[in-house]
Protein backbone atom coordinates (compact mmCIF):
# COMPACT_ATOMS: atom_id res chain seq x y z
CA ARG A 1 3.34 8.45 -0.97
CA GLY A 2 2.53 8.42 -4.77
CA ILE A 3 0.54 5.91 -6.62
CA LYS A 4 2.44 3.80 -8.93
CA ASP A 5 1.69 2.81 -12.17
CA ASP A 6 1.07 -0.96 -11.49
CA SER A 7 -1.47 -0.04 -8.77
CA TYR A 8 -4.99 -1.01 -9.03
CA LEU A 9 -7.39 1.25 -7.44
CA MET A 10 -11.34 1.67 -6.51
CA TRP A 11 -12.66 5.00 -6.00
CA ALA A 12 -14.84 4.98 -3.24
CA GLU A 13 -15.33 8.96 -2.49
CA LYS A 14 -13.14 11.86 -2.43
CA ASN A 15 -9.72 11.26 -1.36
CA VAL A 16 -10.96 7.84 -0.41
CA TYR A 17 -9.39 4.79 -2.56
CA ILE A 18 -9.65 0.96 -2.08
CA ASP A 19 -6.06 -0.70 -3.12
CA ALA A 20 -5.46 -4.08 -2.37
CA ARG A 21 -2.17 -4.59 -3.68
CA GLN A 22 -0.80 -5.39 -0.22
CA THR A 23 -3.18 -6.34 1.74
CA GLY A 24 -7.11 -7.18 1.44
CA SER A 25 -10.04 -9.94 1.92
CA VAL A 26 -10.54 -12.49 -1.14
CA ALA A 27 -12.51 -9.63 -2.87
CA ARG A 28 -9.18 -8.63 -4.05
CA TYR A 29 -9.19 -11.29 -6.74
CA ILE A 30 -12.06 -9.91 -8.40
CA ASN A 31 -11.42 -10.05 -12.06
CA HIS A 32 -12.78 -7.39 -14.61
CA SER A 33 -15.27 -8.54 -17.34
CA CYS A 34 -16.86 -6.75 -20.07
CA GLU A 35 -19.68 -9.16 -19.41
CA PRO A 36 -19.73 -9.20 -15.33
CA ASN A 37 -21.60 -11.36 -13.20
CA CYS A 38 -21.38 -8.81 -10.30
CA ILE A 39 -21.32 -5.32 -9.78
CA ALA A 40 -19.90 -3.26 -6.82
CA LYS A 41 -22.33 -0.80 -5.14
CA LYS A 42 -20.89 1.81 -2.45
CA TRP A 43 -22.88 1.97 0.74
CA ILE A 44 -22.38 3.95 3.87
CA VAL A 45 -22.72 2.26 7.05
CA ASN A 46 -22.45 3.91 10.32
CA GLY A 47 -20.72 6.67 8.14
CA ILE A 48 -18.06 4.76 6.86
CA THR A 49 -18.06 4.17 2.91
CA ARG A 50 -18.06 0.64 2.32
CA ILE A 51 -18.03 -1.31 -1.41
CA GLY A 52 -20.31 -4.29 -1.36
CA CYS A 53 -20.15 -6.63 -4.45
CA PHE A 54 -23.86 -8.15 -5.63
CA ALA A 55 -24.41 -10.86 -8.08
CA VAL A 56 -26.27 -9.43 -11.03
CA LYS A 57 -27.07 -13.10 -12.37
CA ASP A 58 -26.85 -16.82 -11.13
CA ILE A 59 -23.27 -17.75 -10.69
CA THR A 60 -22.51 -21.49 -10.40
CA ARG A 61 -19.74 -23.17 -8.04
CA GLY A 62 -16.29 -22.66 -9.52
CA GLU A 63 -17.43 -19.82 -11.51
CA GLU A 64 -14.96 -16.72 -11.50
CA ILE A 65 -16.58 -13.82 -9.55
CA THR A 66 -16.08 -10.80 -12.13
CA ILE A 67 -17.13 -6.77 -12.34
CA ASP A 68 -16.56 -4.54 -14.85
CA TYR A 69 -13.86 -2.25 -13.73
CA ARG A 70 -14.88 0.87 -15.92
CA TRP A 71 -11.57 2.58 -15.17
CA ASN A 72 -11.42 6.24 -15.88
CA THR A 73 -7.71 7.08 -17.61
CA CYS A 74 -5.95 10.40 -17.80
CA ALA A 75 -5.75 11.45 -21.12
CA SER A 76 -1.99 10.88 -20.92
CA LYS A 77 -2.16 7.14 -20.42
CA GLN A 78 -2.73 4.63 -22.76
CA ASN A 79 -5.92 1.88 -22.22
CA THR A 80 -5.33 -1.35 -20.50
CA VAL A 81 -5.96 -4.06 -22.76
CA CYS A 82 -8.93 -6.28 -22.03
CA ALA A 83 -8.88 -9.99 -22.35
CA CYS A 84 -12.08 -11.16 -21.17
CA ASN A 85 -12.79 -12.92 -24.36
CA THR A 86 -16.75 -12.26 -23.99
CA GLU A 87 -18.76 -11.62 -26.77
CA SER A 88 -19.16 -7.89 -25.97
CA CYS A 89 -15.60 -7.36 -24.85
CA ARG A 90 -14.98 -3.75 -25.91
CA GLY A 91 -10.91 -4.41 -26.01
CA THR A 92 -10.03 -2.26 -22.92
CA ILE A 93 -10.93 -2.08 -19.30
CA GLN A 94 -11.29 1.69 -19.58
CA GLN A 95 -14.78 3.38 -19.70
CA LEU A 96 -15.65 4.33 -23.56
């Protein structure tokens, strides 16, 4: 099956992507921010690739959990507009 234009993917390793469009843990609701409060790190546990989300600053109760998606985009695709409204917002979710 092909990847649809509305998919949201995270690359884990060669030929392994995380796609939570249809199922996943509560981590599937982590949104993008240009000033994130968490980072995603890849770990190998018993030979299996895992992605962990780790806080980079204090997070208050009720505060949204965010990471910087830093998507890579094919030259033929347009950038996705970022609406995080932070002071350092670069205007796009893609890497610059």
